[in-house]
PDB file of all heavy atoms in Angstrom:
ATOM      1  N   ARG A   1     146.906  58.126  10.250  1.00  0.00           N
ATOM      2  CA  ARG A   1     146.522  57.799  11.623  1.00  0.00           C
ATOM      3  C   ARG A   1     146.749  58.972  12.579  1.00  0.00           C
ATOM      4  O   ARG A   1     146.248  58.964  13.695  1.00  0.00           O
ATOM      5  CB  ARG A   1     147.288  56.579  12.119  1.00  0.00           C
ATOM      6  CG  ARG A   1     146.768  55.278  11.533  1.00  0.00           C
ATOM      7  CD  ARG A   1     147.356  54.081  12.247  1.00  0.00           C
ATOM      8  NE  ARG A   1     148.784  53.911  12.006  1.00  0.00           N
ATOM      9  CZ  ARG A   1     149.297  53.246  10.986  1.00  0.00           C
ATOM     10  NH1 ARG A   1     148.511  52.683  10.113  1.00  0.00           N
ATOM     11  NH2 ARG A   1     150.604  53.127  10.845  1.00  0.00           N
ATOM     12  N   SER A   2     147.505  59.974  12.141  1.00  0.00           N
ATOM     13  CA  SER A   2     147.802  61.087  13.039  1.00  0.00           C
ATOM     14  C   SER A   2     146.593  62.011  13.165  1.00  0.00           C
ATOM     15  O   SER A   2     145.799  62.163  12.246  1.00  0.00           O
ATOM     16  CB  SER A   2     149.016  61.874  12.546  1.00  0.00           C
ATOM     17  OG  SER A   2     148.659  62.710  11.470  1.00  0.00           O
ATOM     18  N   GLU A   3     146.486  62.617  14.308  1.00  0.00           N
ATOM     19  CA  GLU A   3     145.368  63.522  14.577  1.00  0.00           C
ATOM     20  C   GLU A   3     145.404  64.748  13.675  1.00  0.00           C
ATOM     21  O   GLU A   3     144.363  65.317  13.368  1.00  0.00           O
ATOM     22  CB  GLU A   3     145.389  63.940  16.043  1.00  0.00           C
ATOM     23  CG  GLU A   3     145.039  62.811  16.978  1.00  0.00           C
ATOM     24  CD  GLU A   3     145.059  63.245  18.433  1.00  0.00           C
ATOM     25  OE1 GLU A   3     144.823  64.431  18.699  1.00  0.00           O
ATOM     26  OE2 GLU A   3     145.320  62.384  19.279  1.00  0.00           O
ATOM     27  N   GLN A   4     146.578  65.149  13.246  1.00  0.00           N
ATOM     28  CA  GLN A   4     146.711  66.336  12.406  1.00  0.00           C
ATOM     29  C   GLN A   4     145.929  66.180  11.093  1.00  0.00           C
ATOM     30  O   GLN A   4     145.340  67.128  10.605  1.00  0.00           O
ATOM     31  CB  GLN A   4     148.182  66.602  12.112  1.00  0.00           C
ATOM     32  CG  GLN A   4     148.419  67.712  11.110  1.00  0.00           C
ATOM     33  CD  GLN A   4     149.864  67.774  10.653  1.00  0.00           C
ATOM     34  OE1 GLN A   4     150.704  67.023  11.119  1.00  0.00           O
ATOM     35  NE2 GLN A   4     150.140  68.653   9.726  1.00  0.00           N
ATOM     36  N   TRP A   5     145.931  64.986  10.521  1.00  0.00           N
ATOM     37  CA  TRP A   5     145.301  64.772   9.222  1.00  0.00           C
ATOM     38  C   TRP A   5     143.861  64.276   9.324  1.00  0.00           C
ATOM     39  O   TRP A   5     143.146  64.257   8.335  1.00  0.00           O
ATOM     40  CB  TRP A   5     146.128  63.780   8.404  1.00  0.00           C
ATOM     41  CG  TRP A   5     147.368  64.410   7.882  1.00  0.00           C
ATOM     42  CD1 TRP A   5     148.588  64.454   8.503  1.00  0.00           C
ATOM     43  CD2 TRP A   5     147.517  65.128   6.667  1.00  0.00           C
ATOM     44  NE1 TRP A   5     149.475  65.155   7.731  1.00  0.00           N
ATOM     45  CE2 TRP A   5     148.861  65.568   6.597  1.00  0.00           C
ATOM     46  CE3 TRP A   5     146.658  65.427   5.627  1.00  0.00           C
ATOM     47  CZ2 TRP A   5     149.344  66.303   5.527  1.00  0.00           C
ATOM     48  CZ3 TRP A   5     147.146  66.159   4.546  1.00  0.00           C
ATOM     49  CH2 TRP A   5     148.477  66.593   4.503  1.00  0.00           C
ATOM     50  N   ALA A   6     143.414  63.871  10.500  1.00  0.00           N
ATOM     51  CA  ALA A   6     142.078  63.294  10.652  1.00  0.00           C
ATOM     52  C   ALA A   6     140.950  64.222  10.184  1.00  0.00           C
ATOM     53  O   ALA A   6     140.079  63.789   9.440  1.00  0.00           O
ATOM     54  CB  ALA A   6     141.856  62.842  12.089  1.00  0.00           C
ATOM     55  N   PRO A   7     140.916  65.495  10.577  1.00  0.00           N
ATOM     56  CA  PRO A   7     139.812  66.352  10.129  1.00  0.00           C
ATOM     57  C   PRO A   7     139.778  66.527   8.613  1.00  0.00           C
ATOM     58  O   PRO A   7     138.713  66.475   8.003  1.00  0.00           O
ATOM     59  CB  PRO A   7     140.078  67.690  10.830  1.00  0.00           C
ATOM     60  CG  PRO A   7     140.977  67.380  11.965  1.00  0.00           C
ATOM     61  CD  PRO A   7     141.795  66.189  11.531  1.00  0.00           C
ATOM     62  N   ALA A   8     140.945  66.713   8.007  1.00  0.00           N
ATOM     63  CA  ALA A   8     140.996  66.888   6.551  1.00  0.00           C
ATOM     64  C   ALA A   8     140.536  65.627   5.837  1.00  0.00           C
ATOM     65  O   ALA A   8     139.829  65.687   4.829  1.00  0.00           O
ATOM     66  CB  ALA A   8     142.404  67.263   6.107  1.00  0.00           C
ATOM     67  N   ARG A   9     140.911  64.474   6.374  1.00  0.00           N
ATOM     68  CA  ARG A   9     140.502  63.225   5.736  1.00  0.00           C
ATOM     69  C   ARG A   9     138.987  63.043   5.834  1.00  0.00           C
ATOM     70  O   ARG A   9     138.346  62.650   4.873  1.00  0.00           O
ATOM     71  CB  ARG A   9     141.202  62.034   6.391  1.00  0.00           C
ATOM     72  CG  ARG A   9     140.804  60.746   5.718  1.00  0.00           C
ATOM     73  CD  ARG A   9     141.501  59.555   6.257  1.00  0.00           C
ATOM     74  NE  ARG A   9     141.199  58.422   5.395  1.00  0.00           N
ATOM     75  CZ  ARG A   9     141.576  57.217   5.622  1.00  0.00           C
ATOM     76  NH1 ARG A   9     142.296  56.939   6.677  1.00  0.00           N
ATOM     77  NH2 ARG A   9     141.261  56.243   4.796  1.00  0.00           N
ATOM     78  N   SER A  10     138.424  63.337   6.977  1.00  0.00           N
ATOM     79  CA  SER A  10     136.976  63.145   7.122  1.00  0.00           C
ATOM     80  C   SER A  10     136.216  64.072   6.184  1.00  0.00           C
ATOM     81  O   SER A  10     135.207  63.689   5.618  1.00  0.00           O
ATOM     82  CB  SER A  10     136.540  63.335   8.570  1.00  0.00           C
ATOM     83  OG  SER A  10     136.756  64.657   8.984  1.00  0.00           O
ATOM     84  N   ARG A  11     136.732  65.285   5.979  1.00  0.00           N
ATOM     85  CA  ARG A  11     136.077  66.202   5.036  1.00  0.00           C
ATOM     86  C   ARG A  11     136.233  65.701   3.601  1.00  0.00           C
ATOM     87  O   ARG A  11     135.289  65.721   2.815  1.00  0.00           O
ATOM     88  CB  ARG A  11     136.668  67.600   5.148  1.00  0.00           C
ATOM     89  CG  ARG A  11     136.161  68.404   6.315  1.00  0.00           C
ATOM     90  CD  ARG A  11     136.542  69.863   6.198  1.00  0.00           C
ATOM     91  NE  ARG A  11     137.977  70.094   6.035  1.00  0.00           N
ATOM     92  CZ  ARG A  11     138.855  70.118   7.042  1.00  0.00           C
ATOM     93  NH1 ARG A  11     138.462  69.934   8.293  1.00  0.00           N
ATOM     94  NH2 ARG A  11     140.124  70.338   6.805  1.00  0.00           N
ATOM     95  N   ALA A  12     137.448  65.257   3.252  1.00  0.00           N
ATOM     96  CA  ALA A  12     137.713  64.834   1.873  1.00  0.00           C
ATOM     97  C   ALA A  12     136.913  63.603   1.489  1.00  0.00           C
ATOM     98  O   ALA A  12     136.522  63.441   0.334  1.00  0.00           O
ATOM     99  CB  ALA A  12     139.209  64.567   1.684  1.00  0.00           C
ATOM    100  N   TYR A  13     136.661  62.720   2.439  1.00  0.00           N
ATOM    101  CA  TYR A  13     135.981  61.470   2.114  1.00  0.00           C
ATOM    102  C   TYR A  13     134.522  61.446   2.552  1.00  0.00           C
ATOM    103  O   TYR A  13     133.870  60.417   2.487  1.00  0.00           O
ATOM    104  CB  TYR A  13     136.752  60.288   2.716  1.00  0.00           C
ATOM    105  CG  TYR A  13     138.064  60.079   2.009  1.00  0.00           C
ATOM    106  CD1 TYR A  13     139.237  60.601   2.518  1.00  0.00           C
ATOM    107  CD2 TYR A  13     138.119  59.394   0.802  1.00  0.00           C
ATOM    108  CE1 TYR A  13     140.442  60.445   1.854  1.00  0.00           C
ATOM    109  CE2 TYR A  13     139.314  59.227   0.133  1.00  0.00           C
ATOM    110  CZ  TYR A  13     140.478  59.753   0.659  1.00  0.00           C
ATOM    111  OH  TYR A  13     141.650  59.598  -0.007  1.00  0.00           O
ATOM    112  N   HIS A  14     134.014  62.587   2.988  1.00  0.00           N
ATOM    113  CA  HIS A  14     132.605  62.669   3.362  1.00  0.00           C
ATOM    114  C   HIS A  14     131.749  62.467   2.112  1.00  0.00           C
ATOM    115  O   HIS A  14     132.112  62.924   1.020  1.00  0.00           O
ATOM    116  CB  HIS A  14     132.314  64.042   3.995  1.00  0.00           C
ATOM    117  CG  HIS A  14     130.958  64.135   4.578  1.00  0.00           C
ATOM    118  ND1 HIS A  14     129.860  64.443   3.818  1.00  0.00           N
ATOM    119  CD2 HIS A  14     130.508  63.934   5.834  1.00  0.00           C
ATOM    120  CE1 HIS A  14     128.783  64.443   4.581  1.00  0.00           C
ATOM    121  NE2 HIS A  14     129.162  64.139   5.813  1.00  0.00           N
ATOM    122  N   PRO A  15     130.610  61.766   2.223  1.00  0.00           N
ATOM    123  CA  PRO A  15     129.770  61.524   1.043  1.00  0.00           C
ATOM    124  C   PRO A  15     129.353  62.799   0.309  1.00  0.00           C
ATOM    125  O   PRO A  15     129.142  62.779  -0.901  1.00  0.00           O
ATOM    126  CB  PRO A  15     128.543  60.815   1.617  1.00  0.00           C
ATOM    127  CG  PRO A  15     129.006  60.217   2.891  1.00  0.00           C
ATOM    128  CD  PRO A  15     130.087  61.113   3.411  1.00  0.00           C
ATOM    129  N   ALA A  16     129.273  63.920   1.012  1.00  0.00           N
ATOM    130  CA  ALA A  16     128.866  65.169   0.373  1.00  0.00           C
ATOM    131  C   ALA A  16     130.038  65.929  -0.252  1.00  0.00           C
ATOM    132  O   ALA A  16     129.834  66.964  -0.877  1.00  0.00           O
ATOM    133  CB  ALA A  16     128.171  66.061   1.397  1.00  0.00           C
ATOM    134  N   ALA A  17     131.247  65.419  -0.097  1.00  0.00           N
ATOM    135  CA  ALA A  17     132.424  66.117  -0.629  1.00  0.00           C
ATOM    136  C   ALA A  17     132.422  66.075  -2.155  1.00  0.00           C
ATOM    137  O   ALA A  17     131.952  65.110  -2.769  1.00  0.00           O
ATOM    138  CB  ALA A  17     133.702  65.467  -0.099  1.00  0.00           C
ATOM    139  N   ARG A  18     132.976  67.120  -2.722  1.00  0.00           N
ATOM    140  CA  ARG A  18     133.111  67.137  -4.181  1.00  0.00           C
ATOM    141  C   ARG A  18     134.151  66.106  -4.592  1.00  0.00           C
ATOM    142  O   ARG A  18     135.039  65.759  -3.822  1.00  0.00           O
ATOM    143  CB  ARG A  18     133.513  68.536  -4.637  1.00  0.00           C
ATOM    144  CG  ARG A  18     132.400  69.552  -4.463  1.00  0.00           C
ATOM    145  CD  ARG A  18     132.774  70.865  -5.116  1.00  0.00           C
ATOM    146  NE  ARG A  18     134.003  71.424  -4.575  1.00  0.00           N
ATOM    147  CZ  ARG A  18     134.049  72.298  -3.571  1.00  0.00           C
ATOM    148  NH1 ARG A  18     132.952  72.701  -2.992  1.00  0.00           N
ATOM    149  NH2 ARG A  18     135.209  72.766  -3.159  1.00  0.00           N
ATOM    150  N   GLN A  19     134.070  65.658  -5.831  1.00  0.00           N
ATOM    151  CA  GLN A  19     134.920  64.566  -6.325  1.00  0.00           C
ATOM    152  C   GLN A  19     136.417  64.863  -6.187  1.00  0.00           C
ATOM    153  O   GLN A  19     137.197  63.991  -5.844  1.00  0.00           O
ATOM    154  CB  GLN A  19     134.579  64.285  -7.783  1.00  0.00           C
ATOM    155  CG  GLN A  19     135.235  63.053  -8.327  1.00  0.00           C
ATOM    156  CD  GLN A  19     134.752  62.748  -9.737  1.00  0.00           C
ATOM    157  OE1 GLN A  19     134.111  63.570 -10.373  1.00  0.00           O
ATOM    158  NE2 GLN A  19     135.063  61.574 -10.211  1.00  0.00           N
ATOM    159  N   GLY A  20     136.833  66.090  -6.406  1.00  0.00           N
ATOM    160  CA  GLY A  20     138.255  66.409  -6.383  1.00  0.00           C
ATOM    161  C   GLY A  20     138.853  66.545  -4.991  1.00  0.00           C
ATOM    162  O   GLY A  20     140.067  66.599  -4.844  1.00  0.00           O
ATOM    163  N   GLU A  21     138.018  66.593  -3.953  1.00  0.00           N
ATOM    164  CA  GLU A  21     138.555  66.794  -2.602  1.00  0.00           C
ATOM    165  C   GLU A  21     139.421  65.634  -2.133  1.00  0.00           C
ATOM    166  O   GLU A  21     140.441  65.848  -1.483  1.00  0.00           O
ATOM    167  CB  GLU A  21     137.423  67.066  -1.618  1.00  0.00           C
ATOM    168  CG  GLU A  21     136.817  68.441  -1.821  1.00  0.00           C
ATOM    169  CD  GLU A  21     135.783  68.793  -0.787  1.00  0.00           C
ATOM    170  OE1 GLU A  21     136.050  68.569   0.409  1.00  0.00           O
ATOM    171  OE2 GLU A  21     134.720  69.274  -1.178  1.00  0.00           O
ATOM    172  N   ALA A  22     139.033  64.406  -2.442  1.00  0.00           N
ATOM    173  CA  ALA A  22     139.841  63.254  -2.042  1.00  0.00           C
ATOM    174  C   ALA A  22     141.187  63.269  -2.767  1.00  0.00           C
ATOM    175  O   ALA A  22     142.231  63.007  -2.168  1.00  0.00           O
ATOM    176  CB  ALA A  22     139.106  61.947  -2.320  1.00  0.00           C
ATOM    177  N   ALA A  23     141.172  63.610  -4.061  1.00  0.00           N
ATOM    178  CA  ALA A  23     142.418  63.671  -4.820  1.00  0.00           C
ATOM    179  C   ALA A  23     143.315  64.785  -4.283  1.00  0.00           C
ATOM    180  O   ALA A  23     144.529  64.610  -4.154  1.00  0.00           O
ATOM    181  CB  ALA A  23     142.129  63.896  -6.300  1.00  0.00           C
ATOM    182  N   ARG A  24     142.736  65.926  -3.945  1.00  0.00           N
ATOM    183  CA  ARG A  24     143.506  67.035  -3.379  1.00  0.00           C
ATOM    184  C   ARG A  24     144.098  66.650  -2.023  1.00  0.00           C
ATOM    185  O   ARG A  24     145.236  66.976  -1.704  1.00  0.00           O
ATOM    186  CB  ARG A  24     142.600  68.263  -3.233  1.00  0.00           C
ATOM    187  CG  ARG A  24     143.169  69.495  -3.831  1.00  0.00           C
ATOM    188  CD  ARG A  24     142.320  70.741  -3.738  1.00  0.00           C
ATOM    189  NE  ARG A  24     140.954  70.626  -3.303  1.00  0.00           N
ATOM    190  CZ  ARG A  24     139.901  70.477  -4.115  1.00  0.00           C
ATOM    191  NH1 ARG A  24     140.084  70.385  -5.414  1.00  0.00           N
ATOM    192  NH2 ARG A  24     138.679  70.402  -3.638  1.00  0.00           N
ATOM    193  N   PHE A  25     143.311  65.927  -1.223  1.00  0.00           N
ATOM    194  CA  PHE A  25     143.793  65.464   0.078  1.00  0.00           C
ATOM    195  C   PHE A  25     145.010  64.553  -0.101  1.00  0.00           C
ATOM    196  O   PHE A  25     146.028  64.723   0.566  1.00  0.00           O
ATOM    197  CB  PHE A  25     142.679  64.726   0.821  1.00  0.00           C
ATOM    198  CG  PHE A  25     143.135  64.053   2.077  1.00  0.00           C
ATOM    199  CD1 PHE A  25     143.304  64.788   3.237  1.00  0.00           C
ATOM    200  CD2 PHE A  25     143.413  62.700   2.099  1.00  0.00           C
ATOM    201  CE1 PHE A  25     143.738  64.174   4.408  1.00  0.00           C
ATOM    202  CE2 PHE A  25     143.844  62.080   3.258  1.00  0.00           C
ATOM    203  CZ  PHE A  25     144.005  62.820   4.413  1.00  0.00           C
ATOM    204  N   GLU A  26     144.910  63.576  -1.020  1.00  0.00           N
ATOM    205  CA  GLU A  26     146.031  62.651  -1.266  1.00  0.00           C
ATOM    206  C   GLU A  26     147.252  63.416  -1.757  1.00  0.00           C
ATOM    207  O   GLU A  26     148.376  63.148  -1.336  1.00  0.00           O
ATOM    208  CB  GLU A  26     145.647  61.578  -2.288  1.00  0.00           C
ATOM    209  CG  GLU A  26     144.658  60.564  -1.783  1.00  0.00           C
ATOM    210  CD  GLU A  26     145.200  59.678  -0.668  1.00  0.00           C
ATOM    211  OE1 GLU A  26     146.434  59.577  -0.479  1.00  0.00           O
ATOM    212  OE2 GLU A  26     144.377  59.083   0.024  1.00  0.00           O
ATOM    213  N   PHE A  27     147.024  64.368  -2.661  1.00  0.00           N
ATOM    214  CA  PHE A  27     148.141  65.156  -3.180  1.00  0.00           C
ATOM    215  C   PHE A  27     148.832  65.911  -2.051  1.00  0.00           C
ATOM    216  O   PHE A  27     150.057  65.900  -1.938  1.00  0.00           O
ATOM    217  CB  PHE A  27     147.651  66.125  -4.261  1.00  0.00           C
ATOM    218  CG  PHE A  27     148.743  67.007  -4.797  1.00  0.00           C
ATOM    219  CD1 PHE A  27     149.607  66.527  -5.771  1.00  0.00           C
ATOM    220  CD2 PHE A  27     148.933  68.285  -4.317  1.00  0.00           C
ATOM    221  CE1 PHE A  27     150.630  67.319  -6.259  1.00  0.00           C
ATOM    222  CE2 PHE A  27     149.954  69.090  -4.790  1.00  0.00           C
ATOM    223  CZ  PHE A  27     150.807  68.608  -5.769  1.00  0.00           C
ATOM    224  N   ASP A  28     148.052  66.574  -1.202  1.00  0.00           N
ATOM    225  CA  ASP A  28     148.627  67.330  -0.083  1.00  0.00           C
ATOM    226  C   ASP A  28     149.384  66.418   0.879  1.00  0.00           C
ATOM    227  O   ASP A  28     150.454  66.769   1.379  1.00  0.00           O
ATOM    228  CB  ASP A  28     147.544  68.091   0.672  1.00  0.00           C
ATOM    229  CG  ASP A  28     147.004  69.271  -0.106  1.00  0.00           C
ATOM    230  OD1 ASP A  28     147.633  69.669  -1.102  1.00  0.00           O
ATOM    231  OD2 ASP A  28     145.938  69.781   0.283  1.00  0.00           O
ATOM    232  N   LEU A  29     148.815  65.251   1.146  1.00  0.00           N
ATOM    233  CA  LEU A  29     149.444  64.295   2.054  1.00  0.00           C
ATOM    234  C   LEU A  29     150.800  63.843   1.504  1.00  0.00           C
ATOM    235  O   LEU A  29     151.823  63.890   2.195  1.00  0.00           O
ATOM    236  CB  LEU A  29     148.509  63.100   2.241  1.00  0.00           C
ATOM    237  CG  LEU A  29     148.921  62.039   3.240  1.00  0.00           C
ATOM    238  CD1 LEU A  29     148.646  62.545   4.653  1.00  0.00           C
ATOM    239  CD2 LEU A  29     148.134  60.775   2.992  1.00  0.00           C
ATOM    240  N   LEU A  30     150.819  63.436   0.237  1.00  0.00           N
ATOM    241  CA  LEU A  30     152.058  62.953  -0.372  1.00  0.00           C
ATOM    242  C   LEU A  30     153.054  64.088  -0.605  1.00  0.00           C
ATOM    243  O   LEU A  30     154.263  63.896  -0.467  1.00  0.00           O
ATOM    244  CB  LEU A  30     151.745  62.208  -1.668  1.00  0.00           C
ATOM    245  CG  LEU A  30     151.010  60.880  -1.462  1.00  0.00           C
ATOM    246  CD1 LEU A  30     150.518  60.319  -2.783  1.00  0.00           C
ATOM    247  CD2 LEU A  30     151.883  59.873  -0.743  1.00  0.00           C
ATOM    248  N   ARG A  31     152.561  65.269  -0.926  1.00  0.00           N
ATOM    249  CA  ARG A  31     153.440  66.428  -1.100  1.00  0.00           C
ATOM    250  C   ARG A  31     154.172  66.732   0.211  1.00  0.00           C
ATOM    251  O   ARG A  31     155.366  67.041   0.215  1.00  0.00           O
ATOM    252  CB  ARG A  31     152.616  67.635  -1.540  1.00  0.00           C
ATOM    253  CG  ARG A  31     153.434  68.872  -1.786  1.00  0.00           C
ATOM    254  CD  ARG A  31     152.517  69.990  -2.308  1.00  0.00           C
ATOM    255  NE  ARG A  31     153.078  71.263  -1.976  1.00  0.00           N
ATOM    256  CZ  ARG A  31     152.828  71.965  -0.871  1.00  0.00           C
ATOM    257  NH1 ARG A  31     151.961  71.520   0.008  1.00  0.00           N
ATOM    258  NH2 ARG A  31     153.408  73.105  -0.647  1.00  0.00           N
ATOM    259  N   GLY A  32     153.477  66.610   1.322  1.00  0.00           N
ATOM    260  CA  GLY A  32     154.106  66.821   2.624  1.00  0.00           C
ATOM    261  C   GLY A  32     155.230  65.837   2.876  1.00  0.00           C
ATOM    262  O   GLY A  32     156.281  66.200   3.422  1.00  0.00           O
TER     263      GLY A  32
END
């Protein structure tokens, strides 16, 4: 919900995103 992660999430879950981008986003989020 934070503004810091909003742009990265929209890129990771965009229909044109590559398959691994959502997984990388989740990994980065949880790693933080």
